[in-house]
Amino acid sequence: MKAVILAGGLGTRISEQSHLKPKPMIEIGGMPILWHIMKLYSHAGITEFVICCGYKSYQIKEFFANYVLHRADVTVDLQANSTVVHNQNVEPWKVTLIDTGPLTNTGGRLKRVAKYLNDTFCLTYGDGVSNVDIQKVIAFHKLQGVEATVTAVQPSGRFGSLEIDGERVTQFMEKPAGDGRWVSGGFFVCEPSVITRISGDEQALEGAPLEALARDKQLAVWKHRDFWASMDTMRDKQFLEDLWNTGKAPWKLWQ
């Protein structure tokens, strides 16, 4: 099974860094968040990826083209013009990198990689991490017999919550519970037929395609009640960075 990752957007809400690099290449713990997402799928036994590139796509391509050098010790003999790689520590991944255009919408990006998807596939965004059990989502999807399954999450609130008594704050919560509503957390499992519901580059997957699937009762939901986070802002990045640096990153399921 393949995992498709949408990695082509402009990342305008985290422009402090996305003006220099694609949002999925912004680092958590010294490695791009895209790498963290791929490690999640690899932990679940999925090692073949289709990356939908767009904005500054060459940076993602260069990262994987030089991945062995990033992850290994090397000896470079300048006079002989040779390189010897030592202690390779690379994952058994097969990565297909497709430039789907800088302004293409999420549905359009998926439609552009259709020829690489001939069977059931996973699909997610290039900015979200979770400790969701991907194999359980896949098994659930197959039991439901539908065209697509979406992972639903209940994110925490974005702003600090205050309990107030008169003129005094009695309790402050930095990451309060949200309003209890379920939202799409990505981590889809899809059949290729989903792509036939997408009209073209301008169409968002989250619009008419998913609405039609829901209307036709072809969109199942896996409710994930544990950790999920999306890196939309610098505050989100710092939150994830702090979890990683303190050894408390819930999405680090691999050894």
C-alpha atoms as a PDB file:
ATOM      1  CA  MET A   1       0.000   0.000   0.000  1.00  0.00           C
ATOM      2  CA  LYS A   2       1.153   3.565  -0.749  1.00  0.00           C
ATOM      3  CA  ALA A   3       0.816   6.710   1.328  1.00  0.00           C
ATOM      4  CA  VAL A   4       0.113   9.986  -0.466  1.00  0.00           C
ATOM      5  CA  ILE A   5       1.231  13.146   1.332  1.00  0.00           C
ATOM      6  CA  LEU A   6      -0.029  16.590   0.318  1.00  0.00           C
ATOM      7  CA  ALA A   7       3.083  18.749   0.562  1.00  0.00           C
ATOM      8  CA  GLY A   8       2.610  21.565  -1.945  1.00  0.00           C
ATOM      9  CA  GLY A   9       0.803  24.395  -0.175  1.00  0.00           C
ATOM     10  CA  LEU A  10       2.154  27.882   0.517  1.00  0.00           C
ATOM     11  CA  GLY A  11       1.978  27.641   4.318  1.00  0.00           C
ATOM     12  CA  THR A  12       1.036  31.312   4.687  1.00  0.00           C
ATOM     13  CA  ARG A  13       0.097  31.055   8.386  1.00  0.00           C
ATOM     14  CA  ILE A  14       3.654  30.086   9.259  1.00  0.00           C
ATOM     15  CA  SER A  15       5.286  32.528   6.852  1.00  0.00           C
ATOM     16  CA  GLU A  16       8.106  33.249   9.305  1.00  0.00           C
ATOM     17  CA  GLN A  17       9.682  30.049   7.973  1.00  0.00           C
ATOM     18  CA  SER A  18       7.646  29.074   4.913  1.00  0.00           C
ATOM     19  CA  HIS A  19       9.019  32.029   2.940  1.00  0.00           C
ATOM     20  CA  LEU A  20      12.308  30.114   3.000  1.00  0.00           C
ATOM     21  CA  LYS A  21      11.138  26.512   2.598  1.00  0.00           C
ATOM     22  CA  PRO A  22       7.987  24.455   1.999  1.00  0.00           C
ATOM     23  CA  LYS A  23       5.945  24.013   5.157  1.00  0.00           C
ATOM     24  CA  PRO A  24       6.488  20.211   5.233  1.00  0.00           C
ATOM     25  CA  MET A  25      10.250  20.869   5.302  1.00  0.00           C
ATOM     26  CA  ILE A  26      10.070  22.948   8.502  1.00  0.00           C
ATOM     27  CA  GLU A  27      11.998  20.984  11.084  1.00  0.00           C
ATOM     28  CA  ILE A  28      10.977  19.415  14.362  1.00  0.00           C
ATOM     29  CA  GLY A  29      13.943  18.054  16.258  1.00  0.00           C
ATOM     30  CA  GLY A  30      16.269  18.656  13.338  1.00  0.00           C
ATOM     31  CA  MET A  31      14.213  16.741  10.773  1.00  0.00           C
ATOM     32  CA  PRO A  32      11.381  17.986   8.521  1.00  0.00           C
ATOM     33  CA  ILE A  33       7.863  17.348   9.783  1.00  0.00           C
ATOM     34  CA  LEU A  34       7.370  15.491   6.490  1.00  0.00           C
ATOM     35  CA  TRP A  35       9.977  12.959   7.684  1.00  0.00           C
ATOM     36  CA  HIS A  36       8.100  12.516  10.982  1.00  0.00           C
ATOM     37  CA  ILE A  37       4.883  11.764   9.075  1.00  0.00           C
ATOM     38  CA  MET A  38       6.671   9.245   6.865  1.00  0.00           C
ATOM     39  CA  LYS A  39       8.149   7.578   9.948  1.00  0.00           C
ATOM     40  CA  LEU A  40       4.604   7.111  11.269  1.00  0.00           C
ATOM     41  CA  TYR A  41       3.575   5.299   8.104  1.00  0.00           C
ATOM     42  CA  SER A  42       6.800   3.327   8.008  1.00  0.00           C
ATOM     43  CA  HIS A  43       6.134   2.184  11.578  1.00  0.00           C
ATOM     44  CA  ALA A  44       2.793   0.873  10.292  1.00  0.00           C
ATOM     45  CA  GLY A  45       4.564  -1.084   7.536  1.00  0.00           C
ATOM     46  CA  ILE A  46       3.929   1.392   4.701  1.00  0.00           C
ATOM     47  CA  THR A  47       7.193   2.267   2.980  1.00  0.00           C
ATOM     48  CA  GLU A  48       6.093   3.500  -0.453  1.00  0.00           C
ATOM     49  CA  PHE A  49       5.205   7.169  -0.734  1.00  0.00           C
ATOM     50  CA  VAL A  50       3.849   9.601  -3.309  1.00  0.00           C
ATOM     51  CA  ILE A  51       4.668  13.168  -2.305  1.00  0.00           C
ATOM     52  CA  CYS A  52       2.531  15.880  -3.931  1.00  0.00           C
ATOM     53  CA  CYS A  53       5.000  18.758  -4.176  1.00  0.00           C
ATOM     54  CA  GLY A  54       4.280  22.322  -5.240  1.00  0.00           C
ATOM     55  CA  TYR A  55       5.662  25.438  -3.563  1.00  0.00           C
ATOM     56  CA  LYS A  56       9.497  25.297  -3.583  1.00  0.00           C
ATOM     57  CA  SER A  57       9.269  21.644  -4.649  1.00  0.00           C
ATOM     58  CA  TYR A  58      12.953  21.515  -5.518  1.00  0.00           C
ATOM     59  CA  GLN A  59      13.829  21.635  -1.810  1.00  0.00           C
ATOM     60  CA  ILE A  60      11.865  18.452  -1.111  1.00  0.00           C
ATOM     61  CA  LYS A  61      13.425  16.766  -4.142  1.00  0.00           C
ATOM     62  CA  GLU A  62      16.925  17.779  -3.081  1.00  0.00           C
ATOM     63  CA  PHE A  63      16.333  16.488   0.453  1.00  0.00           C
ATOM     64  CA  PHE A  64      15.486  13.002  -0.769  1.00  0.00           C
ATOM     65  CA  ALA A  65      18.059  13.020  -3.564  1.00  0.00           C
ATOM     66  CA  ASN A  66      20.739  13.590  -0.915  1.00  0.00           C
ATOM     67  CA  TYR A  67      19.024  11.640   1.858  1.00  0.00           C
ATOM     68  CA  VAL A  68      21.820   9.104   2.285  1.00  0.00           C
ATOM     69  CA  LEU A  69      24.318  11.919   2.766  1.00  0.00           C
ATOM     70  CA  HIS A  70      22.022  13.566   5.308  1.00  0.00           C
ATOM     71  CA  ARG A  71      21.749  10.367   7.348  1.00  0.00           C
ATOM     72  CA  ALA A  72      25.205   8.762   7.051  1.00  0.00           C
ATOM     73  CA  ASP A  73      28.872   9.358   7.754  1.00  0.00           C
ATOM     74  CA  VAL A  74      30.887   9.930   4.595  1.00  0.00           C
ATOM     75  CA  THR A  75      34.481  10.162   3.456  1.00  0.00           C
ATOM     76  CA  VAL A  76      35.045  12.495   0.523  1.00  0.00           C
ATOM     77  CA  ASP A  77      38.293  12.095  -1.399  1.00  0.00           C
ATOM     78  CA  LEU A  78      38.574  15.410  -3.213  1.00  0.00           C
ATOM     79  CA  GLN A  79      41.571  14.434  -5.346  1.00  0.00           C
ATOM     80  CA  ALA A  80      40.037  11.164  -6.497  1.00  0.00           C
ATOM     81  CA  ASN A  81      36.588  12.761  -6.763  1.00  0.00           C
ATOM     82  CA  SER A  82      35.041   9.869  -4.820  1.00  0.00           C
ATOM     83  CA  THR A  83      32.704   9.490  -1.893  1.00  0.00           C
ATOM     84  CA  VAL A  84      32.485   6.538   0.474  1.00  0.00           C
ATOM     85  CA  VAL A  85      29.367   6.207   2.637  1.00  0.00           C
ATOM     86  CA  HIS A  86      29.777   4.675   6.106  1.00  0.00           C
ATOM     87  CA  ASN A  87      27.166   3.429   8.570  1.00  0.00           C
ATOM     88  CA  GLN A  88      24.147   4.003   6.394  1.00  0.00           C
ATOM     89  CA  ASN A  89      21.129   4.642   8.558  1.00  0.00           C
ATOM     90  CA  VAL A  90      18.404   4.998   5.969  1.00  0.00           C
ATOM     91  CA  GLU A  91      14.847   3.781   5.834  1.00  0.00           C
ATOM     92  CA  PRO A  92      13.680   1.266   3.186  1.00  0.00           C
ATOM     93  CA  TRP A  93      11.489   3.855   1.508  1.00  0.00           C
ATOM     94  CA  LYS A  94      10.512   4.263  -2.114  1.00  0.00           C
ATOM     95  CA  VAL A  95       9.581   7.913  -2.636  1.00  0.00           C
ATOM     96  CA  THR A  96       7.895   9.291  -5.759  1.00  0.00           C
ATOM     97  CA  LEU A  97       8.077  13.091  -5.874  1.00  0.00           C
ATOM     98  CA  ILE A  98       5.566  14.772  -8.197  1.00  0.00           C
ATOM     99  CA  ASP A  99       5.426  18.510  -8.863  1.00  0.00           C
ATOM    100  CA  THR A 100       1.675  19.160  -8.722  1.00  0.00           C
ATOM    101  CA  GLY A 101       1.946  22.938  -9.167  1.00  0.00           C
ATOM    102  CA  PRO A 102       2.397  25.785  -6.689  1.00  0.00           C
ATOM    103  CA  LEU A 103      -1.257  26.923  -6.684  1.00  0.00           C
ATOM    104  CA  THR A 104      -3.094  23.622  -7.212  1.00  0.00           C
ATOM    105  CA  ASN A 105      -5.715  22.852  -4.577  1.00  0.00           C
ATOM    106  CA  THR A 106      -5.682  19.700  -2.423  1.00  0.00           C
ATOM    107  CA  GLY A 107      -8.096  17.758  -4.619  1.00  0.00           C
ATOM    108  CA  GLY A 108      -6.271  18.797  -7.758  1.00  0.00           C
ATOM    109  CA  ARG A 109      -2.979  17.584  -6.317  1.00  0.00           C
ATOM    110  CA  LEU A 110      -4.463  14.160  -5.669  1.00  0.00           C
ATOM    111  CA  LYS A 111      -5.930  14.023  -9.174  1.00  0.00           C
ATOM    112  CA  ARG A 112      -2.520  14.813 -10.672  1.00  0.00           C
ATOM    113  CA  VAL A 113      -0.957  11.704  -9.079  1.00  0.00           C
ATOM    114  CA  ALA A 114      -3.818   9.368 -10.028  1.00  0.00           C
ATOM    115  CA  LYS A 115      -1.685   7.247 -12.369  1.00  0.00           C
ATOM    116  CA  TYR A 116       0.465   6.157  -9.425  1.00  0.00           C
ATOM    117  CA  LEU A 117      -2.536   4.904  -7.427  1.00  0.00           C
ATOM    118  CA  ASN A 118      -4.060   1.657  -8.640  1.00  0.00           C
ATOM    119  CA  ASP A 119      -5.177   0.240  -5.294  1.00  0.00           C
ATOM    120  CA  THR A 120      -6.304   1.292  -1.832  1.00  0.00           C
ATOM    121  CA  PHE A 121      -4.022   4.062  -0.550  1.00  0.00           C
ATOM    122  CA  CYS A 122      -3.461   6.220   2.508  1.00  0.00           C
ATOM    123  CA  LEU A 123      -3.623  10.006   2.265  1.00  0.00           C
ATOM    124  CA  THR A 124      -2.688  12.768   4.673  1.00  0.00           C
ATOM    125  CA  TYR A 125      -1.475  16.338   4.938  1.00  0.00           C
ATOM    126  CA  GLY A 126       2.186  17.324   5.194  1.00  0.00           C
ATOM    127  CA  ASP A 127       1.826  19.251   8.445  1.00  0.00           C
ATOM    128  CA  GLY A 128       0.064  16.973  10.946  1.00  0.00           C
ATOM    129  CA  VAL A 129       1.349  14.324  13.359  1.00  0.00           C
ATOM    130  CA  SER A 130      -0.528  11.861  15.525  1.00  0.00           C
ATOM    131  CA  ASN A 131      -0.218   8.592  17.389  1.00  0.00           C
ATOM    132  CA  VAL A 132      -3.143   7.163  15.436  1.00  0.00           C
ATOM    133  CA  ASP A 133      -2.860   3.424  14.751  1.00  0.00           C
ATOM    134  CA  ILE A 134      -2.726   3.502  10.960  1.00  0.00           C
ATOM    135  CA  GLN A 135      -3.088  -0.251  10.546  1.00  0.00           C
ATOM    136  CA  LYS A 136      -6.300  -0.176  12.590  1.00  0.00           C
ATOM    137  CA  VAL A 137      -7.662   2.622  10.388  1.00  0.00           C
ATOM    138  CA  ILE A 138      -6.870   0.562   7.286  1.00  0.00           C
ATOM    139  CA  ALA A 139      -8.544  -2.548   8.731  1.00  0.00           C
ATOM    140  CA  PHE A 140     -11.599  -0.490   9.742  1.00  0.00           C
ATOM    141  CA  HIS A 141     -11.813   1.008   6.247  1.00  0.00           C
ATOM    142  CA  LYS A 142     -11.819  -2.414   4.614  1.00  0.00           C
ATOM    143  CA  LEU A 143     -14.556  -3.661   6.954  1.00  0.00           C
ATOM    144  CA  GLN A 144     -16.736  -0.646   6.147  1.00  0.00           C
ATOM    145  CA  GLY A 145     -16.612  -1.292   2.404  1.00  0.00           C
ATOM    146  CA  VAL A 146     -16.623   2.415   1.535  1.00  0.00           C
ATOM    147  CA  GLU A 147     -14.664   4.612  -0.862  1.00  0.00           C
ATOM    148  CA  ALA A 148     -12.931   6.611   1.873  1.00  0.00           C
ATOM    149  CA  THR A 149     -12.339   6.768   5.610  1.00  0.00           C
ATOM    150  CA  VAL A 150     -11.275   9.912   7.441  1.00  0.00           C
ATOM    151  CA  THR A 151      -9.653  10.081  10.860  1.00  0.00           C
ATOM    152  CA  ALA A 152     -11.628  12.418  13.119  1.00  0.00           C
ATOM    153  CA  VAL A 153      -9.955  14.203  16.033  1.00  0.00           C
ATOM    154  CA  GLN A 154     -10.911  16.609  18.809  1.00  0.00           C
ATOM    155  CA  PRO A 155      -8.156  19.248  18.908  1.00  0.00           C
ATOM    156  CA  SER A 156      -7.405  21.299  21.963  1.00  0.00           C
ATOM    157  CA  GLY A 157      -8.253  24.984  22.031  1.00  0.00           C
ATOM    158  CA  ARG A 158      -5.848  27.398  20.360  1.00  0.00           C
ATOM    159  CA  PHE A 159      -5.746  30.016  23.106  1.00  0.00           C
ATOM    160  CA  GLY A 160      -5.082  29.935  26.822  1.00  0.00           C
ATOM    161  CA  SER A 161      -8.216  29.423  28.910  1.00  0.00           C
ATOM    162  CA  LEU A 162      -8.905  31.521  32.004  1.00  0.00           C
ATOM    163  CA  GLU A 163     -11.090  30.708  34.997  1.00  0.00           C
ATOM    164  CA  ILE A 164     -11.970  34.042  36.603  1.00  0.00           C
ATOM    165  CA  ASP A 165     -13.373  34.977  40.003  1.00  0.00           C
ATOM    166  CA  GLY A 166     -14.049  38.691  40.239  1.00  0.00           C
ATOM    167  CA  GLU A 167     -10.800  40.493  39.476  1.00  0.00           C
ATOM    168  CA  ARG A 168      -8.530  37.426  39.817  1.00  0.00           C
ATOM    169  CA  VAL A 169      -7.591  34.530  37.573  1.00  0.00           C
ATOM    170  CA  THR A 170      -8.093  31.324  39.534  1.00  0.00           C
ATOM    171  CA  GLN A 171      -6.889  28.891  36.868  1.00  0.00           C
ATOM    172  CA  PHE A 172      -4.922  29.177  33.631  1.00  0.00           C
ATOM    173  CA  MET A 173      -4.797  26.352  31.057  1.00  0.00           C
ATOM    174  CA  GLU A 174      -2.374  26.755  28.142  1.00  0.00           C
ATOM    175  CA  LYS A 175      -3.935  23.973  26.005  1.00  0.00           C
ATOM    176  CA  PRO A 176      -7.587  23.753  27.097  1.00  0.00           C
ATOM    177  CA  ALA A 177     -10.019  21.209  25.736  1.00  0.00           C
ATOM    178  CA  GLY A 178     -11.730  22.269  22.540  1.00  0.00           C
ATOM    179  CA  ASP A 179     -15.468  22.581  22.040  1.00  0.00           C
ATOM    180  CA  GLY A 180     -15.857  18.817  21.693  1.00  0.00           C
ATOM    181  CA  ARG A 181     -16.577  18.853  17.968  1.00  0.00           C
ATOM    182  CA  TRP A 182     -14.960  16.264  15.738  1.00  0.00           C
ATOM    183  CA  VAL A 183     -12.842  17.632  12.890  1.00  0.00           C
ATOM    184  CA  SER A 184     -10.921  16.038  10.054  1.00  0.00           C
ATOM    185  CA  GLY A 185      -7.397  15.118  11.126  1.00  0.00           C
ATOM    186  CA  GLY A 186      -6.312  13.744   7.764  1.00  0.00           C
ATOM    187  CA  PHE A 187      -4.909  10.201   7.856  1.00  0.00           C
ATOM    188  CA  PHE A 188      -7.421   9.061   5.238  1.00  0.00           C
ATOM    189  CA  VAL A 189      -7.678   5.650   3.635  1.00  0.00           C
ATOM    190  CA  CYS A 190      -9.067   5.859   0.106  1.00  0.00           C
ATOM    191  CA  GLU A 191     -10.024   3.812  -2.911  1.00  0.00           C
ATOM    192  CA  PRO A 192      -8.891   5.076  -6.332  1.00  0.00           C
ATOM    193  CA  SER A 193     -12.530   5.827  -7.188  1.00  0.00           C
ATOM    194  CA  VAL A 194     -12.331   8.852  -4.880  1.00  0.00           C
ATOM    195  CA  ILE A 195     -10.173  10.576  -7.506  1.00  0.00           C
ATOM    196  CA  THR A 196     -12.965  10.377 -10.103  1.00  0.00           C
ATOM    197  CA  ARG A 197     -14.978  12.754  -7.914  1.00  0.00           C
ATOM    198  CA  ILE A 198     -12.378  15.528  -8.326  1.00  0.00           C
ATOM    199  CA  SER A 199     -12.980  17.901 -11.244  1.00  0.00           C
ATOM    200  CA  GLY A 200      -9.614  19.631 -11.611  1.00  0.00           C
ATOM    201  CA  ASP A 201      -6.739  21.652 -10.179  1.00  0.00           C
ATOM    202  CA  GLU A 202      -8.916  24.258  -8.529  1.00  0.00           C
ATOM    203  CA  GLN A 203     -10.953  21.850  -6.427  1.00  0.00           C
ATOM    204  CA  ALA A 204     -10.290  21.293  -2.734  1.00  0.00           C
ATOM    205  CA  LEU A 205     -10.592  17.717  -1.548  1.00  0.00           C
ATOM    206  CA  GLU A 206     -12.390  19.078   1.520  1.00  0.00           C
ATOM    207  CA  GLY A 207     -15.140  20.593  -0.614  1.00  0.00           C
ATOM    208  CA  ALA A 208     -17.366  18.873  -3.169  1.00  0.00           C
ATOM    209  CA  PRO A 209     -15.502  15.507  -3.286  1.00  0.00           C
ATOM    210  CA  LEU A 210     -15.808  14.764   0.448  1.00  0.00           C
ATOM    211  CA  GLU A 211     -19.288  16.291   0.563  1.00  0.00           C
ATOM    212  CA  ALA A 212     -20.398  13.945  -2.218  1.00  0.00           C
ATOM    213  CA  LEU A 213     -18.835  10.941  -0.494  1.00  0.00           C
ATOM    214  CA  ALA A 214     -20.670  11.806   2.719  1.00  0.00           C
ATOM    215  CA  ARG A 215     -23.962  12.330   0.855  1.00  0.00           C
ATOM    216  CA  ASP A 216     -23.550   8.919  -0.817  1.00  0.00           C
ATOM    217  CA  LYS A 217     -22.695   7.289   2.535  1.00  0.00           C
ATOM    218  CA  GLN A 218     -19.270   6.405   1.187  1.00  0.00           C
ATOM    219  CA  LEU A 219     -17.230   8.262   3.834  1.00  0.00           C
ATOM    220  CA  ALA A 220     -16.557   6.345   7.038  1.00  0.00           C
ATOM    221  CA  VAL A 221     -14.987   7.880  10.133  1.00  0.00           C
ATOM    222  CA  TRP A 222     -12.362   6.521  12.507  1.00  0.00           C
ATOM    223  CA  LYS A 223     -12.546   8.415  15.804  1.00  0.00           C
ATOM    224  CA  HIS A 224      -9.103   9.029  17.269  1.00  0.00           C
ATOM    225  CA  ARG A 225      -9.300  10.168  20.889  1.00  0.00           C
ATOM    226  CA  ASP A 226      -5.592  10.493  21.567  1.00  0.00           C
ATOM    227  CA  PHE A 227      -2.813  12.811  20.375  1.00  0.00           C
ATOM    228  CA  TRP A 228      -3.065  14.812  17.150  1.00  0.00           C
ATOM    229  CA  ALA A 229      -1.503  18.147  16.256  1.00  0.00           C
ATOM    230  CA  SER A 230      -1.227  20.294  13.157  1.00  0.00           C
ATOM    231  CA  MET A 231       1.684  22.697  12.628  1.00  0.00           C
ATOM    232  CA  ASP A 232      -0.139  25.778  11.347  1.00  0.00           C
ATOM    233  CA  THR A 233       1.736  28.514  13.216  1.00  0.00           C
ATOM    234  CA  MET A 234       5.069  29.157  14.914  1.00  0.00           C
ATOM    235  CA  ARG A 235       3.318  28.545  18.226  1.00  0.00           C
ATOM    236  CA  ASP A 236       2.340  25.081  16.992  1.00  0.00           C
ATOM    237  CA  LYS A 237       5.897  24.422  15.829  1.00  0.00           C
ATOM    238  CA  GLN A 238       7.305  25.407  19.228  1.00  0.00           C
ATOM    239  CA  PHE A 239       4.770  23.145  20.966  1.00  0.00           C
ATOM    240  CA  LEU A 240       5.874  20.165  18.870  1.00  0.00           C
ATOM    241  CA  GLU A 241       9.543  21.084  19.248  1.00  0.00           C
ATOM    242  CA  ASP A 242       9.202  21.181  23.043  1.00  0.00           C
ATOM    243  CA  LEU A 243       7.526  17.766  23.091  1.00  0.00           C
ATOM    244  CA  TRP A 244      10.298  16.309  20.935  1.00  0.00           C
ATOM    245  CA  ASN A 245      13.156  17.880  22.878  1.00  0.00           C
ATOM    246  CA  THR A 246      11.816  16.651  26.229  1.00  0.00           C
ATOM    247  CA  GLY A 247      11.340  13.100  24.963  1.00  0.00           C
ATOM    248  CA  LYS A 248       7.549  13.373  25.263  1.00  0.00           C
ATOM    249  CA  ALA A 249       6.544  13.322  21.589  1.00  0.00           C
ATOM    250  CA  PRO A 250       3.442  11.066  21.486  1.00  0.00           C
ATOM    251  CA  TRP A 251       3.739  10.553  17.719  1.00  0.00           C
ATOM    252  CA  LYS A 252       7.198   8.958  18.020  1.00  0.00           C
ATOM    253  CA  LEU A 253       5.957   5.374  17.840  1.00  0.00           C
ATOM    254  CA  TRP A 254       9.150   4.085  16.194  1.00  0.00           C
ATOM    255  CA  GLN A 255      12.388   3.107  17.946  1.00  0.00           C
END
